[in-house]
Amino acid sequence: MSDDETVQPASSQLNIVPATDGRAYIPARDVVLLLRAIASSCRNLADEPDADVRSVACILDYEADTIDRRAIQHTK
């Protein structure tokens, strides 16, 4: 992947299900897949000399923001 390509967050692939209570839910299997994707990113970053815990925090914030936006879209 080149530096010009946009990275799609793993959470953009999650199923978000609106429930009868008006809240958005993510199936457990999708949460597991998201956690595995984050673990994989952490392992990849462990080999990068310039990466640190802040890098992981940025990834988690990016994923959380994506889930938050999608949840709002599904509950409007």
N, C-alpha and C. Protein backbone atom coordinates (compact mmCIF):
# COMPACT_ATOMS: atom_id res chain seq x y z
N MET A 1 0.84 -1.16 0.00
CA MET A 1 0.00 0.00 0.00
C MET A 1 0.90 1.24 0.00
N SER A 2 0.55 2.22 -0.81
CA SER A 2 1.34 3.45 -0.86
C SER A 2 0.87 4.41 0.22
N ASP A 3 1.69 5.45 0.45
CA ASP A 3 1.34 6.45 1.45
C ASP A 3 0.11 7.26 1.05
N ASP A 4 -0.21 7.26 -0.26
CA ASP A 4 -1.35 8.04 -0.75
C ASP A 4 -2.68 7.32 -0.59
N GLU A 5 -2.65 6.03 -0.31
CA GLU A 5 -3.89 5.27 -0.18
C GLU A 5 -4.50 5.46 1.20
N THR A 6 -5.82 5.53 1.24
CA THR A 6 -6.53 5.68 2.50
C THR A 6 -6.68 4.32 3.17
N VAL A 7 -6.33 4.26 4.44
CA VAL A 7 -6.48 3.02 5.20
C VAL A 7 -7.91 2.95 5.71
N GLN A 8 -8.57 1.84 5.43
CA GLN A 8 -9.93 1.64 5.92
C GLN A 8 -9.87 0.96 7.29
N PRO A 9 -10.56 1.51 8.27
CA PRO A 9 -10.54 0.89 9.59
C PRO A 9 -11.21 -0.49 9.56
N ALA A 10 -10.69 -1.39 10.36
CA ALA A 10 -11.28 -2.74 10.45
C ALA A 10 -12.74 -2.65 10.88
N SER A 11 -13.05 -1.66 11.70
CA SER A 11 -14.41 -1.54 12.21
C SER A 11 -15.43 -1.13 11.15
N SER A 12 -14.95 -0.70 9.99
CA SER A 12 -15.89 -0.34 8.92
C SER A 12 -16.56 -1.59 8.33
N GLN A 13 -16.00 -2.75 8.63
CA GLN A 13 -16.55 -4.02 8.14
C GLN A 13 -17.49 -4.69 9.14
N LEU A 14 -17.63 -4.11 10.32
CA LEU A 14 -18.48 -4.72 11.36
C LEU A 14 -19.96 -4.60 11.02
N ASN A 15 -20.70 -5.61 11.41
CA ASN A 15 -22.15 -5.53 11.31
C ASN A 15 -22.65 -4.75 12.51
N ILE A 16 -23.42 -3.72 12.25
CA ILE A 16 -24.05 -2.96 13.33
C ILE A 16 -25.54 -3.17 13.18
N VAL A 17 -26.15 -3.65 14.25
CA VAL A 17 -27.55 -4.04 14.21
C VAL A 17 -28.37 -3.11 15.09
N PRO A 18 -29.34 -2.39 14.51
CA PRO A 18 -30.22 -1.60 15.36
C PRO A 18 -31.23 -2.52 16.05
N ALA A 19 -31.37 -2.37 17.35
CA ALA A 19 -32.29 -3.21 18.12
C ALA A 19 -33.60 -2.48 18.35
N THR A 20 -34.56 -3.20 18.89
CA THR A 20 -35.88 -2.61 19.14
C THR A 20 -35.83 -1.52 20.21
N ASP A 21 -34.77 -1.50 21.02
CA ASP A 21 -34.65 -0.47 22.05
C ASP A 21 -34.03 0.82 21.51
N GLY A 22 -33.73 0.85 20.19
CA GLY A 22 -33.17 2.04 19.57
C GLY A 22 -31.66 2.14 19.64
N ARG A 23 -31.02 1.18 20.25
CA ARG A 23 -29.57 1.18 20.37
C ARG A 23 -28.95 0.35 19.25
N ALA A 24 -27.69 0.64 18.98
CA ALA A 24 -26.95 -0.13 17.98
C ALA A 24 -26.11 -1.18 18.69
N TYR A 25 -26.11 -2.39 18.15
CA TYR A 25 -25.34 -3.49 18.73
C TYR A 25 -24.40 -4.09 17.69
N ILE A 26 -23.29 -4.62 18.18
CA ILE A 26 -22.32 -5.32 17.33
C ILE A 26 -22.31 -6.77 17.78
N PRO A 27 -22.53 -7.71 16.86
CA PRO A 27 -22.49 -9.12 17.24
C PRO A 27 -21.13 -9.51 17.84
N ALA A 28 -21.15 -10.42 18.79
CA ALA A 28 -19.92 -10.84 19.48
C ALA A 28 -18.85 -11.32 18.51
N ARG A 29 -19.24 -12.06 17.48
CA ARG A 29 -18.23 -12.57 16.54
C ARG A 29 -17.50 -11.43 15.84
N ASP A 30 -18.20 -10.33 15.59
CA ASP A 30 -17.56 -9.18 14.96
C ASP A 30 -16.62 -8.47 15.93
N VAL A 31 -16.99 -8.43 17.18
CA VAL A 31 -16.10 -7.84 18.19
C VAL A 31 -14.81 -8.65 18.28
N VAL A 32 -14.93 -9.96 18.23
CA VAL A 32 -13.76 -10.83 18.26
C VAL A 32 -12.86 -10.55 17.05
N LEU A 33 -13.47 -10.42 15.88
CA LEU A 33 -12.69 -10.12 14.67
C LEU A 33 -11.98 -8.77 14.78
N LEU A 34 -12.67 -7.79 15.34
CA LEU A 34 -12.05 -6.48 15.53
C LEU A 34 -10.87 -6.57 16.48
N LEU A 35 -11.04 -7.27 17.59
CA LEU A 35 -9.94 -7.41 18.54
C LEU A 35 -8.75 -8.14 17.92
N ARG A 36 -9.03 -9.13 17.09
CA ARG A 36 -7.93 -9.85 16.42
C ARG A 36 -7.22 -8.94 15.41
N ALA A 37 -7.96 -8.08 14.74
CA ALA A 37 -7.35 -7.13 13.80
C ALA A 37 -6.46 -6.14 14.55
N ILE A 38 -6.92 -5.69 15.71
CA ILE A 38 -6.12 -4.77 16.51
C ILE A 38 -4.87 -5.47 17.03
N ALA A 39 -5.01 -6.72 17.47
CA ALA A 39 -3.85 -7.48 17.94
C ALA A 39 -2.83 -7.65 16.81
N SER A 40 -3.32 -7.91 15.62
CA SER A 40 -2.43 -8.04 14.46
C SER A 40 -1.69 -6.74 14.18
N SER A 41 -2.40 -5.62 14.28
CA SER A 41 -1.76 -4.31 14.09
C SER A 41 -0.69 -4.07 15.15
N CYS A 42 -0.98 -4.47 16.38
CA CYS A 42 0.01 -4.31 17.46
C CYS A 42 1.26 -5.13 17.17
N ARG A 43 1.07 -6.36 16.70
CA ARG A 43 2.22 -7.20 16.37
C ARG A 43 3.04 -6.57 15.25
N ASN A 44 2.35 -6.03 14.25
CA ASN A 44 3.06 -5.38 13.14
C ASN A 44 3.82 -4.16 13.62
N LEU A 45 3.20 -3.37 14.50
CA LEU A 45 3.86 -2.18 15.02
C LEU A 45 5.04 -2.52 15.93
N ALA A 46 5.01 -3.69 16.55
CA ALA A 46 6.11 -4.09 17.43
C ALA A 46 7.42 -4.19 16.68
N ASP A 47 7.34 -4.44 15.38
CA ASP A 47 8.54 -4.56 14.55
C ASP A 47 9.01 -3.23 13.97
N GLU A 48 8.22 -2.19 14.18
CA GLU A 48 8.56 -0.86 13.66
C GLU A 48 9.36 -0.09 14.71
N PRO A 49 10.56 0.35 14.36
CA PRO A 49 11.38 1.05 15.36
C PRO A 49 10.79 2.38 15.82
N ASP A 50 9.99 3.03 14.98
CA ASP A 50 9.43 4.33 15.34
C ASP A 50 8.06 4.24 16.01
N ALA A 51 7.51 3.05 16.13
CA ALA A 51 6.17 2.88 16.71
C ALA A 51 6.27 2.72 18.22
N ASP A 52 5.25 3.23 18.91
CA ASP A 52 5.19 3.08 20.36
C ASP A 52 3.73 2.94 20.77
N VAL A 53 3.48 3.01 22.05
CA VAL A 53 2.12 2.84 22.57
C VAL A 53 1.19 3.92 22.02
N ARG A 54 1.73 5.10 21.76
CA ARG A 54 0.90 6.17 21.18
C ARG A 54 0.35 5.77 19.81
N SER A 55 1.13 5.02 19.07
CA SER A 55 0.68 4.54 17.76
C SER A 55 -0.54 3.63 17.93
N VAL A 56 -0.48 2.74 18.90
CA VAL A 56 -1.60 1.83 19.18
C VAL A 56 -2.82 2.65 19.62
N ALA A 57 -2.60 3.65 20.45
CA ALA A 57 -3.70 4.49 20.92
C ALA A 57 -4.37 5.21 19.74
N CYS A 58 -3.60 5.65 18.79
CA CYS A 58 -4.17 6.31 17.60
C CYS A 58 -5.03 5.34 16.80
N ILE A 59 -4.57 4.10 16.67
CA ILE A 59 -5.35 3.08 15.96
C ILE A 59 -6.67 2.84 16.68
N LEU A 60 -6.61 2.70 18.00
CA LEU A 60 -7.83 2.45 18.78
C LEU A 60 -8.80 3.62 18.69
N ASP A 61 -8.28 4.85 18.73
CA ASP A 61 -9.15 6.01 18.58
C ASP A 61 -9.82 6.03 17.20
N TYR A 62 -9.07 5.71 16.18
CA TYR A 62 -9.58 5.67 14.81
C TYR A 62 -10.71 4.65 14.69
N GLU A 63 -10.49 3.47 15.24
CA GLU A 63 -11.52 2.42 15.20
C GLU A 63 -12.75 2.84 16.02
N ALA A 64 -12.53 3.41 17.19
CA ALA A 64 -13.65 3.83 18.05
C ALA A 64 -14.48 4.92 17.36
N ASP A 65 -13.81 5.87 16.73
CA ASP A 65 -14.53 6.93 16.01
C ASP A 65 -15.38 6.35 14.88
N THR A 66 -14.84 5.37 14.19
CA THR A 66 -15.59 4.74 13.10
C THR A 66 -16.82 4.02 13.63
N ILE A 67 -16.66 3.27 14.70
CA ILE A 67 -17.81 2.57 15.30
C ILE A 67 -18.85 3.59 15.77
N ASP A 68 -18.41 4.65 16.41
CA ASP A 68 -19.33 5.66 16.91
C ASP A 68 -20.14 6.29 15.77
N ARG A 69 -19.47 6.68 14.70
CA ARG A 69 -20.17 7.27 13.55
C ARG A 69 -21.17 6.29 12.95
N ARG A 70 -20.76 5.04 12.79
CA ARG A 70 -21.65 4.05 12.19
C ARG A 70 -22.84 3.75 13.09
N ALA A 71 -22.61 3.70 14.39
CA ALA A 71 -23.71 3.46 15.32
C ALA A 71 -24.74 4.58 15.24
N ILE A 72 -24.25 5.80 15.16
CA ILE A 72 -25.18 6.94 15.04
C ILE A 72 -25.98 6.84 13.76
N GLN A 73 -25.34 6.47 12.66
CA GLN A 73 -26.04 6.32 11.39
C GLN A 73 -27.13 5.25 11.46
N HIS A 74 -26.86 4.18 12.19
CA HIS A 74 -27.81 3.08 12.28
C HIS A 74 -28.97 3.33 13.24
N THR A 75 -28.86 4.36 14.05
CA THR A 75 -29.92 4.62 15.02
C THR A 75 -30.71 5.88 14.71
N LYS A 76 -30.45 6.49 13.59
CA LYS A 76 -31.21 7.70 13.21
C LYS A 76 -32.56 7.31 12.66
